[in-house]
C-alpha atoms as a PDB file:
ATOM      1  CA  MET A   1      94.815 107.897 112.092  1.00  0.00           C
ATOM      2  CA  ILE A   2      97.777 108.432 110.169  1.00  0.00           C
ATOM      3  CA  ASN A   3      99.163 105.203 108.671  1.00  0.00           C
ATOM      4  CA  ASN A   4     102.437 106.316 109.576  1.00  0.00           C
ATOM      5  CA  ASP A   5     101.342 106.907 112.892  1.00  0.00           C
ATOM      6  CA  ILE A   6      99.951 103.023 113.060  1.00  0.00           C
ATOM      7  CA  LEU A   7     102.834 101.489 111.537  1.00  0.00           C
ATOM      8  CA  ARG A   8     105.280 103.776 113.951  1.00  0.00           C
ATOM      9  CA  GLN A   9     103.653 102.348 117.056  1.00  0.00           C
ATOM     10  CA  LEU A  10     103.252  98.739 116.040  1.00  0.00           C
ATOM     11  CA  ARG A  11     107.135  98.904 115.225  1.00  0.00           C
ATOM     12  CA  TYR A  12     107.783 100.158 118.699  1.00  0.00           C
ATOM     13  CA  ALA A  13     105.227  97.928 120.466  1.00  0.00           C
ATOM     14  CA  LEU A  14     106.650  94.783 118.907  1.00  0.00           C
ATOM     15  CA  ASN A  15     110.042  96.346 119.370  1.00  0.00           C
ATOM     16  CA  ILE A  16     110.732  95.428 115.658  1.00  0.00           C
ATOM     17  CA  ASN A  17     114.015  96.391 114.191  1.00  0.00           C
ATOM     18  CA  ASP A  18     114.613  97.589 110.547  1.00  0.00           C
ATOM     19  CA  SER A  19     115.709  94.503 108.817  1.00  0.00           C
ATOM     20  CA  THR A  20     112.912  92.425 110.554  1.00  0.00           C
ATOM     21  CA  VAL A  21     110.111  95.318 108.802  1.00  0.00           C
ATOM     22  CA  ILE A  22     111.723  95.089 105.545  1.00  0.00           C
ATOM     23  CA  GLU A  23     111.599  91.197 105.700  1.00  0.00           C
ATOM     24  CA  ILE A  24     108.013  91.287 106.918  1.00  0.00           C
ATOM     25  CA  PHE A  25     107.251  93.622 104.175  1.00  0.00           C
ATOM     26  CA  LYS A  26     108.969  91.023 101.611  1.00  0.00           C
ATOM     27  CA  VAL A  27     106.979  87.951 103.091  1.00  0.00           C
ATOM     28  CA  ALA A  28     104.039  90.270 101.737  1.00  0.00           C
ATOM     29  CA  GLY A  29     105.575  90.550  98.569  1.00  0.00           C
ATOM     30  CA  HIS A  30     106.179  94.098  98.765  1.00  0.00           C
ATOM     31  CA  GLU A  31     110.332  95.326  98.115  1.00  0.00           C
ATOM     32  CA  ILE A  32     111.049  97.873 100.476  1.00  0.00           C
ATOM     33  CA  ASP A  33     115.072  99.606 101.209  1.00  0.00           C
ATOM     34  CA  ARG A  34     116.237 100.914 104.199  1.00  0.00           C
ATOM     35  CA  ALA A  35     116.277 104.692 102.678  1.00  0.00           C
ATOM     36  CA  GLY A  36     112.230 104.313 101.975  1.00  0.00           C
ATOM     37  CA  LEU A  37     111.554 102.593 105.313  1.00  0.00           C
ATOM     38  CA  ALA A  38     113.360 105.465 107.032  1.00  0.00           C
ATOM     39  CA  GLY A  39     111.201 107.944 105.415  1.00  0.00           C
ATOM     40  CA  LEU A  40     107.806 106.104 106.590  1.00  0.00           C
ATOM     41  CA  PHE A  41     109.250 106.525 110.233  1.00  0.00           C
ATOM     42  CA  ARG A  42     109.645 110.142 109.705  1.00  0.00           C
ATOM     43  CA  LYS A  43     107.388 112.724 111.141  1.00  0.00           C
ATOM     44  CA  GLU A  44     104.880 114.565 108.965  1.00  0.00           C
ATOM     45  CA  GLU A  45     107.336 118.035 109.610  1.00  0.00           C
ATOM     46  CA  GLU A  46     110.386 116.388 108.604  1.00  0.00           C
ATOM     47  CA  GLU A  47     112.542 116.378 105.637  1.00  0.00           C
ATOM     48  CA  GLY A  48     112.264 113.014 103.684  1.00  0.00           C
ATOM     49  CA  PHE A  49     108.756 112.329 104.655  1.00  0.00           C
ATOM     50  CA  VAL A  50     107.074 109.658 102.879  1.00  0.00           C
ATOM     51  CA  ASN A  51     103.197 108.835 103.151  1.00  0.00           C
ATOM     52  CA  CYS A  52     102.515 105.481 104.081  1.00  0.00           C
ATOM     53  CA  SER A  53      99.127 104.387 101.826  1.00  0.00           C
ATOM     54  CA  ASN A  54      96.610 102.372 102.589  1.00  0.00           C
ATOM     55  CA  ALA A  55      98.177  99.439 100.573  1.00  0.00           C
ATOM     56  CA  LEU A  56     101.335  99.998 102.269  1.00  0.00           C
ATOM     57  CA  LEU A  57     100.163  99.673 105.294  1.00  0.00           C
ATOM     58  CA  GLY A  58      97.948  96.625 104.019  1.00  0.00           C
ATOM     59  CA  TYR A  59     101.170  94.868 103.120  1.00  0.00           C
ATOM     60  CA  PHE A  60     102.968  95.316 106.357  1.00  0.00           C
ATOM     61  CA  LEU A  61      99.784  93.973 108.248  1.00  0.00           C
ATOM     62  CA  ASP A  62      99.642  90.997 106.081  1.00  0.00           C
ATOM     63  CA  GLY A  63     103.080  90.228 106.132  1.00  0.00           C
ATOM     64  CA  LEU A  64     102.963  90.563 109.921  1.00  0.00           C
ATOM     65  CA  ILE A  65     100.602  87.588 109.664  1.00  0.00           C
ATOM     66  CA  LEU A  66     102.391  85.513 107.266  1.00  0.00           C
ATOM     67  CA  TYR A  67     106.111  86.251 109.689  1.00  0.00           C
ATOM     68  CA  LYS A  68     104.347  85.584 113.100  1.00  0.00           C
ATOM     69  CA  ARG A  69     102.021  82.459 111.944  1.00  0.00           C
ATOM     70  CA  GLY A  70     103.418  81.257 108.110  1.00  0.00           C
ATOM     71  CA  ARG A  71     101.519  80.973 105.171  1.00  0.00           C
ATOM     72  CA  ARG A  72      97.584  79.612 105.209  1.00  0.00           C
ATOM     73  CA  GLU A  73      97.079  76.710 103.043  1.00  0.00           C
ATOM     74  CA  THR A  74      94.543  76.959 100.933  1.00  0.00           C
ATOM     75  CA  LYS A  75      92.352  73.913 100.491  1.00  0.00           C
ATOM     76  CA  PRO A  76      91.526  72.494  96.271  1.00  0.00           C
ATOM     77  CA  GLY A  77      88.687  74.776  95.345  1.00  0.00           C
ATOM     78  CA  GLU A  78      89.164  77.518  98.128  1.00  0.00           C
ATOM     79  CA  SER A  79      90.468  80.786  96.535  1.00  0.00           C
ATOM     80  CA  GLU A  80      92.291  83.695  98.553  1.00  0.00           C
ATOM     81  CA  ARG A  81      89.877  86.151  99.693  1.00  0.00           C
ATOM     82  CA  PRO A  82      90.200  89.764  97.966  1.00  0.00           C
ATOM     83  CA  GLU A  83      91.288  92.574 100.072  1.00  0.00           C
ATOM     84  CA  SER A  84      88.839  94.294 101.737  1.00  0.00           C
ATOM     85  CA  ARG A  85      89.362  98.086 102.068  1.00  0.00           C
ATOM     86  CA  LEU A  86      91.629  98.755 104.970  1.00  0.00           C
ATOM     87  CA  THR A  87      89.482 100.146 108.135  1.00  0.00           C
ATOM     88  CA  ASN A  88      90.318 100.808 111.745  1.00  0.00           C
ATOM     89  CA  ASN A  89      88.285  97.468 111.974  1.00  0.00           C
ATOM     90  CA  ALA A  90      90.385  95.805 109.789  1.00  0.00           C
ATOM     91  CA  ILE A  91      93.820  96.842 111.289  1.00  0.00           C
ATOM     92  CA  LEU A  92      92.628  96.149 114.309  1.00  0.00           C
ATOM     93  CA  LYS A  93      91.833  92.101 113.092  1.00  0.00           C
ATOM     94  CA  LYS A  94      94.642  91.883 111.390  1.00  0.00           C
ATOM     95  CA  ILE A  95      96.713  92.476 114.779  1.00  0.00           C
ATOM     96  CA  ARG A  96      94.670  90.112 116.327  1.00  0.00           C
ATOM     97  CA  ILE A  97      95.450  87.172 113.762  1.00  0.00           C
ATOM     98  CA  ALA A  98      98.952  88.361 113.600  1.00  0.00           C
ATOM     99  CA  LEU A  99      99.809  88.437 117.297  1.00  0.00           C
ATOM    100  CA  GLU A 100      97.097  85.352 117.884  1.00  0.00           C
ATOM    101  CA  LEU A 101      95.385  87.160 120.626  1.00  0.00           C
ATOM    102  CA  LYS A 102      92.132  85.693 122.380  1.00  0.00           C
ATOM    103  CA  GLU A 103      89.557  87.632 123.352  1.00  0.00           C
ATOM    104  CA  ASP A 104      90.494  88.378 127.040  1.00  0.00           C
ATOM    105  CA  ASP A 105      93.866  89.238 125.660  1.00  0.00           C
ATOM    106  CA  MET A 106      92.109  92.056 123.762  1.00  0.00           C
ATOM    107  CA  LEU A 107      89.903  93.168 126.712  1.00  0.00           C
ATOM    108  CA  ALA A 108      93.301  92.948 128.419  1.00  0.00           C
ATOM    109  CA  ILE A 109      95.399  95.207 126.253  1.00  0.00           C
ATOM    110  CA  PHE A 110      92.111  97.933 126.091  1.00  0.00           C
ATOM    111  CA  ARG A 111      92.382  97.689 129.717  1.00  0.00           C
ATOM    112  CA  LEU A 112      95.343  98.088 130.016  1.00  0.00           C
ATOM    113  CA  ALA A 113      95.080 101.298 127.912  1.00  0.00           C
ATOM    114  CA  GLY A 114      92.463 102.816 130.087  1.00  0.00           C
ATOM    115  CA  ILE A 115      89.170 101.593 128.199  1.00  0.00           C
ATOM    116  CA  ASP A 116      86.815  99.178 129.760  1.00  0.00           C
ATOM    117  CA  MET A 117      84.827  97.149 127.465  1.00  0.00           C
ATOM    118  CA  SER A 118      82.478  94.276 127.555  1.00  0.00           C
ATOM    119  CA  LYS A 119      82.814  91.143 125.344  1.00  0.00           C
ATOM    120  CA  SER A 120      80.062  92.055 123.596  1.00  0.00           C
ATOM    121  CA  GLU A 121      81.260  95.726 122.722  1.00  0.00           C
ATOM    122  CA  LEU A 122      84.774  93.911 121.436  1.00  0.00           C
ATOM    123  CA  THR A 123      83.333  91.402 119.279  1.00  0.00           C
ATOM    124  CA  ALA A 124      81.158  93.986 117.588  1.00  0.00           C
ATOM    125  CA  LEU A 125      84.442  95.402 116.152  1.00  0.00           C
ATOM    126  CA  PHE A 126      84.941  92.055 114.047  1.00  0.00           C
ATOM    127  CA  ARG A 127      81.729  92.024 112.861  1.00  0.00           C
ATOM    128  CA  ARG A 128      80.586  92.852 109.123  1.00  0.00           C
ATOM    129  CA  GLU A 129      79.550  95.635 108.354  1.00  0.00           C
ATOM    130  CA  SER A 130      76.291  94.516 107.190  1.00  0.00           C
ATOM    131  CA  GLN A 131      75.314  93.122 110.925  1.00  0.00           C
ATOM    132  CA  LYS A 132      73.073  94.934 112.972  1.00  0.00           C
ATOM    133  CA  ASN A 133      75.680  95.119 115.934  1.00  0.00           C
ATOM    134  CA  TYR A 134      78.461  95.872 114.143  1.00  0.00           C
ATOM    135  CA  LYS A 135      80.660  98.694 115.756  1.00  0.00           C
ATOM    136  CA  GLU A 136      83.041 100.926 113.735  1.00  0.00           C
ATOM    137  CA  CYS A 137      86.397 101.206 115.377  1.00  0.00           C
ATOM    138  CA  GLY A 138      87.389 104.899 115.669  1.00  0.00           C
ATOM    139  CA  ASP A 139      90.512 106.677 115.706  1.00  0.00           C
ATOM    140  CA  HIS A 140      90.373 106.862 119.584  1.00  0.00           C
ATOM    141  CA  PHE A 141      89.781 103.047 120.226  1.00  0.00           C
ATOM    142  CA  LEU A 142      92.681 102.354 117.515  1.00  0.00           C
ATOM    143  CA  ARG A 143      95.408 104.690 119.513  1.00  0.00           C
ATOM    144  CA  LYS A 144      94.102 103.215 122.706  1.00  0.00           C
ATOM    145  CA  PHE A 145      94.814 100.184 121.462  1.00  0.00           C
ATOM    146  CA  LEU A 146      97.943 100.321 120.048  1.00  0.00           C
ATOM    147  CA  ARG A 147      99.060 101.748 123.551  1.00  0.00           C
ATOM    148  CA  GLY A 148      98.145  99.126 125.427  1.00  0.00           C
ATOM    149  CA  LEU A 149      99.896  96.850 122.737  1.00  0.00           C
ATOM    150  CA  SER A 150     103.114  98.645 123.857  1.00  0.00           C
ATOM    151  CA  LEU A 151     102.793  98.535 127.727  1.00  0.00           C
ATOM    152  CA  ARG A 152     102.026  94.965 127.517  1.00  0.00           C
ATOM    153  CA  TYR A 153     105.212  94.120 125.009  1.00  0.00           C
ATOM    154  CA  ARG A 154     107.387  96.981 126.059  1.00  0.00           C
ATOM    155  CA  SER A 155     107.153  96.660 129.927  1.00  0.00           C
END
């Protein structure tokens, strides 16, 4: 899935305006202006389109977590975990953390989008890749989840 689409759909689903998006990026430590933001929200075929990199989407998702939940206090001797690569599973997990979604909330959102999934199928999406029951979150699942998010928060 194209990162710009993910950013666009999240913004729509959560009803976030431009100034809030700029604030979310700022909280994550990335400065962006309205012109740069406008380029991110344009369609690929439109003039002025700016491709949203994995790093930029990562800043937005991390900023969304910080904006919604606040900074996490680190304990003495504990270090921040390094950013892992941005996969659909990681995107789904960051959205879940930012919106404080429980298992039942996630299942309800998938159901709204037309995907009936069991609890074990859902937890497989959040496992480590090295575990045998890990399931990769395809573009279809992520797209449907974002659609369900829109239905839940916009209707």
